[in-house]
Amino acid sequence: RDADFVFDVRCLPNPHWQQDLRPLTGRDKPVADFLAKQPDTFSMYEDISSFIGKWVPKFQADGRSYLTVAIGCTGGQHRSVYMTEKLCDHFDQQGITAIRSHRELGN
């Protein structure tokens, strides 16, 4: 609801349509492996991480103590969870604290 930036990842291949992946989430290795094999997934990750990485310092310089980024997909189980986890790991490694919250997973 109160996101500063919203990214839609519904254009990525949907693991929901793979029977064995359907009950899993983007945190599970089989789903992560499926998505990591998709060229568009890497491209989307690179674009989002580059965009956020470029603008976070500007928000910090403006005195903002946090920035809310929302990643959405159809069911909120696979693609958005995977992308959020990957982006948070990236920014954590950059020394930028990233807090994960997955609305559809209840955490």
N, C-alpha and C. Protein backbone atom coordinates (compact mmCIF):
# COMPACT_ATOMS: atom_id res chain seq x y z
N ARG A 1 0.79 -1.21 0.00
CA ARG A 1 0.00 0.00 0.00
C ARG A 1 0.83 1.26 0.00
N ASP A 2 1.85 1.29 0.82
CA ASP A 2 2.64 2.50 1.00
C ASP A 2 4.03 2.37 0.39
N ALA A 3 4.11 1.79 -0.78
CA ALA A 3 5.41 1.57 -1.42
C ALA A 3 5.89 2.83 -2.13
N ASP A 4 7.18 3.05 -2.07
CA ASP A 4 7.80 4.14 -2.83
C ASP A 4 7.97 3.73 -4.29
N PHE A 5 8.31 2.46 -4.51
CA PHE A 5 8.46 1.92 -5.85
C PHE A 5 7.76 0.57 -5.92
N VAL A 6 7.12 0.30 -7.05
CA VAL A 6 6.43 -0.97 -7.26
C VAL A 6 6.94 -1.56 -8.58
N PHE A 7 7.35 -2.82 -8.51
CA PHE A 7 7.81 -3.53 -9.69
C PHE A 7 6.94 -4.76 -9.90
N ASP A 8 6.51 -4.96 -11.12
CA ASP A 8 5.63 -6.06 -11.49
C ASP A 8 6.44 -7.13 -12.20
N VAL A 9 6.49 -8.34 -11.64
CA VAL A 9 7.28 -9.42 -12.25
C VAL A 9 6.39 -10.49 -12.89
N ARG A 10 5.14 -10.15 -13.19
CA ARG A 10 4.23 -11.12 -13.82
C ARG A 10 4.67 -11.54 -15.21
N CYS A 11 5.56 -10.78 -15.84
CA CYS A 11 6.03 -11.14 -17.18
C CYS A 11 7.03 -12.29 -17.15
N LEU A 12 7.50 -12.67 -15.97
CA LEU A 12 8.44 -13.79 -15.86
C LEU A 12 7.69 -15.11 -15.90
N PRO A 13 8.33 -16.19 -16.36
CA PRO A 13 7.67 -17.50 -16.37
C PRO A 13 7.16 -17.86 -14.98
N ASN A 14 5.96 -18.41 -14.94
CA ASN A 14 5.29 -18.67 -13.67
C ASN A 14 5.46 -20.12 -13.22
N PRO A 15 6.17 -20.34 -12.11
CA PRO A 15 6.35 -21.71 -11.59
C PRO A 15 5.02 -22.37 -11.19
N HIS A 16 3.99 -21.59 -11.00
CA HIS A 16 2.67 -22.13 -10.64
C HIS A 16 2.21 -23.18 -11.66
N TRP A 17 2.59 -23.01 -12.90
CA TRP A 17 2.14 -23.92 -13.95
C TRP A 17 2.94 -25.21 -14.01
N GLN A 18 3.96 -25.34 -13.16
CA GLN A 18 4.71 -26.59 -13.03
C GLN A 18 4.15 -27.31 -11.80
N GLN A 19 3.50 -28.43 -12.01
CA GLN A 19 2.81 -29.14 -10.92
C GLN A 19 3.69 -29.36 -9.70
N ASP A 20 4.95 -29.73 -9.92
CA ASP A 20 5.84 -30.03 -8.79
C ASP A 20 6.27 -28.76 -8.04
N LEU A 21 6.18 -27.60 -8.69
CA LEU A 21 6.59 -26.34 -8.06
C LEU A 21 5.41 -25.59 -7.42
N ARG A 22 4.22 -25.90 -7.83
CA ARG A 22 3.03 -25.17 -7.38
C ARG A 22 2.92 -25.05 -5.86
N PRO A 23 3.13 -26.12 -5.08
CA PRO A 23 2.96 -25.98 -3.63
C PRO A 23 4.12 -25.28 -2.93
N LEU A 24 5.20 -25.00 -3.66
CA LEU A 24 6.39 -24.38 -3.07
C LEU A 24 6.31 -22.87 -3.16
N THR A 25 7.34 -22.20 -2.64
CA THR A 25 7.42 -20.74 -2.73
C THR A 25 8.76 -20.35 -3.37
N GLY A 26 8.91 -19.07 -3.60
CA GLY A 26 10.15 -18.55 -4.16
C GLY A 26 11.35 -18.71 -3.25
N ARG A 27 11.13 -19.12 -2.01
CA ARG A 27 12.23 -19.39 -1.08
C ARG A 27 12.78 -20.81 -1.24
N ASP A 28 12.03 -21.65 -1.91
CA ASP A 28 12.43 -23.05 -2.07
C ASP A 28 13.38 -23.21 -3.25
N LYS A 29 14.39 -24.04 -3.07
CA LYS A 29 15.44 -24.22 -4.08
C LYS A 29 14.91 -24.63 -5.45
N PRO A 30 13.96 -25.57 -5.55
CA PRO A 30 13.48 -25.93 -6.89
C PRO A 30 12.85 -24.75 -7.64
N VAL A 31 12.14 -23.90 -6.93
CA VAL A 31 11.55 -22.71 -7.56
C VAL A 31 12.65 -21.72 -7.93
N ALA A 32 13.59 -21.52 -7.02
CA ALA A 32 14.71 -20.61 -7.30
C ALA A 32 15.51 -21.10 -8.50
N ASP A 33 15.75 -22.39 -8.58
CA ASP A 33 16.48 -22.95 -9.71
C ASP A 33 15.71 -22.74 -11.02
N PHE A 34 14.41 -22.98 -10.99
CA PHE A 34 13.57 -22.78 -12.17
C PHE A 34 13.66 -21.33 -12.65
N LEU A 35 13.49 -20.39 -11.74
CA LEU A 35 13.52 -18.98 -12.11
C LEU A 35 14.91 -18.51 -12.52
N ALA A 36 15.93 -19.02 -11.85
CA ALA A 36 17.30 -18.61 -12.17
C ALA A 36 17.70 -19.04 -13.58
N LYS A 37 17.07 -20.07 -14.10
CA LYS A 37 17.39 -20.56 -15.46
C LYS A 37 16.75 -19.69 -16.55
N GLN A 38 15.85 -18.81 -16.17
CA GLN A 38 15.13 -17.98 -17.15
C GLN A 38 15.93 -16.70 -17.41
N PRO A 39 16.32 -16.46 -18.65
CA PRO A 39 17.10 -15.24 -18.95
C PRO A 39 16.39 -13.95 -18.54
N ASP A 40 15.07 -13.91 -18.69
CA ASP A 40 14.34 -12.70 -18.32
C ASP A 40 14.38 -12.44 -16.81
N THR A 41 14.48 -13.49 -16.02
CA THR A 41 14.56 -13.31 -14.57
C THR A 41 15.83 -12.57 -14.21
N PHE A 42 16.95 -12.98 -14.78
CA PHE A 42 18.21 -12.32 -14.50
C PHE A 42 18.18 -10.87 -14.99
N SER A 43 17.63 -10.66 -16.16
CA SER A 43 17.54 -9.32 -16.73
C SER A 43 16.68 -8.40 -15.84
N MET A 44 15.55 -8.91 -15.38
CA MET A 44 14.67 -8.13 -14.50
C MET A 44 15.40 -7.82 -13.19
N TYR A 45 16.07 -8.82 -12.62
CA TYR A 45 16.84 -8.61 -11.39
C TYR A 45 17.89 -7.52 -11.58
N GLU A 46 18.63 -7.61 -12.66
CA GLU A 46 19.67 -6.61 -12.94
C GLU A 46 19.08 -5.21 -13.06
N ASP A 47 17.97 -5.09 -13.77
CA ASP A 47 17.34 -3.79 -13.97
C ASP A 47 16.85 -3.20 -12.65
N ILE A 48 16.16 -4.01 -11.85
CA ILE A 48 15.63 -3.51 -10.57
C ILE A 48 16.76 -3.17 -9.61
N SER A 49 17.74 -4.05 -9.48
CA SER A 49 18.84 -3.78 -8.54
C SER A 49 19.63 -2.56 -8.97
N SER A 50 19.82 -2.38 -10.25
CA SER A 50 20.53 -1.20 -10.75
C SER A 50 19.74 0.08 -10.47
N PHE A 51 18.46 0.03 -10.73
CA PHE A 51 17.60 1.20 -10.49
C PHE A 51 17.62 1.59 -9.01
N ILE A 52 17.36 0.62 -8.15
CA ILE A 52 17.33 0.91 -6.72
C ILE A 52 18.70 1.36 -6.24
N GLY A 53 19.74 0.66 -6.68
CA GLY A 53 21.10 1.02 -6.28
C GLY A 53 21.47 2.43 -6.68
N LYS A 54 20.99 2.87 -7.81
CA LYS A 54 21.28 4.23 -8.27
C LYS A 54 20.56 5.28 -7.43
N TRP A 55 19.34 5.01 -7.03
CA TRP A 55 18.53 6.04 -6.38
C TRP A 55 18.54 6.02 -4.86
N VAL A 56 18.92 4.91 -4.24
CA VAL A 56 18.98 4.86 -2.77
C VAL A 56 19.87 5.98 -2.20
N PRO A 57 21.06 6.21 -2.74
CA PRO A 57 21.88 7.29 -2.19
C PRO A 57 21.21 8.67 -2.27
N LYS A 58 20.41 8.89 -3.28
CA LYS A 58 19.70 10.18 -3.41
C LYS A 58 18.65 10.32 -2.32
N PHE A 59 17.96 9.24 -2.03
CA PHE A 59 16.98 9.27 -0.94
C PHE A 59 17.68 9.45 0.41
N GLN A 60 18.82 8.77 0.59
CA GLN A 60 19.58 8.94 1.84
C GLN A 60 20.06 10.37 1.99
N ALA A 61 20.54 10.97 0.92
CA ALA A 61 21.02 12.35 0.97
C ALA A 61 19.90 13.33 1.28
N ASP A 62 18.67 12.92 0.95
CA ASP A 62 17.51 13.76 1.22
C ASP A 62 16.97 13.53 2.63
N GLY A 63 17.66 12.69 3.41
CA GLY A 63 17.28 12.46 4.80
C GLY A 63 16.29 11.33 5.02
N ARG A 64 16.00 10.57 3.98
CA ARG A 64 15.07 9.44 4.15
C ARG A 64 15.77 8.31 4.89
N SER A 65 15.10 7.77 5.88
CA SER A 65 15.69 6.69 6.66
C SER A 65 15.29 5.31 6.13
N TYR A 66 14.29 5.27 5.26
CA TYR A 66 13.89 4.00 4.66
C TYR A 66 13.23 4.25 3.31
N LEU A 67 13.18 3.21 2.52
CA LEU A 67 12.58 3.22 1.20
C LEU A 67 11.82 1.91 1.07
N THR A 68 10.55 1.96 0.72
CA THR A 68 9.76 0.75 0.58
C THR A 68 9.62 0.39 -0.89
N VAL A 69 10.06 -0.82 -1.21
CA VAL A 69 10.00 -1.33 -2.58
C VAL A 69 9.08 -2.54 -2.57
N ALA A 70 8.09 -2.53 -3.44
CA ALA A 70 7.15 -3.65 -3.55
C ALA A 70 7.42 -4.39 -4.86
N ILE A 71 7.41 -5.72 -4.76
CA ILE A 71 7.57 -6.58 -5.93
C ILE A 71 6.30 -7.42 -6.00
N GLY A 72 5.61 -7.38 -7.12
CA GLY A 72 4.34 -8.09 -7.20
C GLY A 72 4.28 -9.08 -8.35
N CYS A 73 3.48 -10.12 -8.14
CA CYS A 73 3.14 -11.07 -9.19
C CYS A 73 1.72 -11.55 -8.93
N THR A 74 1.25 -12.48 -9.70
CA THR A 74 -0.15 -12.89 -9.63
C THR A 74 -0.53 -13.48 -8.28
N GLY A 75 0.18 -14.48 -7.81
CA GLY A 75 -0.22 -15.15 -6.57
C GLY A 75 0.59 -14.78 -5.35
N GLY A 76 1.71 -14.11 -5.55
CA GLY A 76 2.54 -13.71 -4.43
C GLY A 76 3.26 -14.85 -3.74
N GLN A 77 3.46 -15.95 -4.44
CA GLN A 77 4.09 -17.13 -3.85
C GLN A 77 5.47 -17.43 -4.42
N HIS A 78 5.64 -17.22 -5.71
CA HIS A 78 6.83 -17.70 -6.40
C HIS A 78 7.74 -16.57 -6.88
N ARG A 79 7.33 -15.91 -7.96
CA ARG A 79 8.19 -14.93 -8.63
C ARG A 79 8.51 -13.73 -7.75
N SER A 80 7.51 -13.14 -7.13
CA SER A 80 7.78 -11.96 -6.30
C SER A 80 8.60 -12.32 -5.07
N VAL A 81 8.35 -13.47 -4.50
CA VAL A 81 9.12 -13.92 -3.33
C VAL A 81 10.57 -14.15 -3.72
N TYR A 82 10.78 -14.86 -4.83
CA TYR A 82 12.14 -15.11 -5.30
C TYR A 82 12.88 -13.80 -5.54
N MET A 83 12.24 -12.87 -6.28
CA MET A 83 12.89 -11.61 -6.62
C MET A 83 13.19 -10.79 -5.36
N THR A 84 12.26 -10.76 -4.44
CA THR A 84 12.48 -10.03 -3.18
C THR A 84 13.66 -10.60 -2.42
N GLU A 85 13.71 -11.91 -2.30
CA GLU A 85 14.82 -12.55 -1.59
C GLU A 85 16.15 -12.24 -2.26
N LYS A 86 16.18 -12.34 -3.57
CA LYS A 86 17.42 -12.09 -4.32
C LYS A 86 17.86 -10.63 -4.17
N LEU A 87 16.92 -9.71 -4.27
CA LEU A 87 17.26 -8.30 -4.13
C LEU A 87 17.70 -7.97 -2.70
N CYS A 88 17.02 -8.51 -1.72
CA CYS A 88 17.41 -8.26 -0.33
C CYS A 88 18.81 -8.79 -0.05
N ASP A 89 19.11 -9.99 -0.54
CA ASP A 89 20.46 -10.54 -0.37
C ASP A 89 21.49 -9.62 -1.01
N HIS A 90 21.19 -9.12 -2.20
CA HIS A 90 22.11 -8.22 -2.90
C HIS A 90 22.37 -6.96 -2.08
N PHE A 91 21.31 -6.33 -1.61
CA PHE A 91 21.50 -5.08 -0.88
C PHE A 91 22.09 -5.29 0.50
N ASP A 92 21.79 -6.41 1.13
CA ASP A 92 22.45 -6.74 2.40
C ASP A 92 23.96 -6.83 2.19
N GLN A 93 24.38 -7.43 1.09
CA GLN A 93 25.82 -7.55 0.78
C GLN A 93 26.45 -6.19 0.49
N GLN A 94 25.63 -5.23 0.07
CA GLN A 94 26.12 -3.88 -0.21
C GLN A 94 26.13 -3.00 1.05
N GLY A 95 25.73 -3.58 2.17
CA GLY A 95 25.68 -2.82 3.43
C GLY A 95 24.42 -1.99 3.59
N ILE A 96 23.43 -2.27 2.75
CA ILE A 96 22.14 -1.58 2.84
C ILE A 96 21.16 -2.56 3.47
N THR A 97 20.67 -2.23 4.65
CA THR A 97 19.77 -3.13 5.36
C THR A 97 18.47 -3.28 4.59
N ALA A 98 18.11 -4.52 4.30
CA ALA A 98 16.89 -4.82 3.57
C ALA A 98 16.00 -5.70 4.45
N ILE A 99 14.81 -5.26 4.69
CA ILE A 99 13.85 -6.01 5.50
C ILE A 99 12.87 -6.69 4.56
N ARG A 100 12.76 -8.00 4.69
CA ARG A 100 11.87 -8.78 3.84
C ARG A 100 10.49 -8.87 4.46
N SER A 101 9.49 -8.74 3.61
CA SER A 101 8.11 -8.94 4.05
C SER A 101 7.34 -9.52 2.87
N HIS A 102 6.76 -10.67 3.08
CA HIS A 102 6.00 -11.34 2.02
C HIS A 102 4.53 -11.42 2.46
N ARG A 103 3.73 -10.51 1.95
CA ARG A 103 2.34 -10.39 2.38
C ARG A 103 1.58 -11.70 2.22
N GLU A 104 1.72 -12.35 1.08
CA GLU A 104 0.95 -13.56 0.83
C GLU A 104 1.45 -14.77 1.61
N LEU A 105 2.67 -14.69 2.12
CA LEU A 105 3.21 -15.78 2.93
C LEU A 105 2.98 -15.53 4.41
N GLY A 106 2.47 -14.36 4.74
CA GLY A 106 2.18 -14.04 6.13
C GLY A 106 3.40 -13.63 6.93
N ASN A 107 4.46 -13.19 6.24
CA ASN A 107 5.65 -12.73 6.98
C ASN A 107 6.40 -11.68 6.19
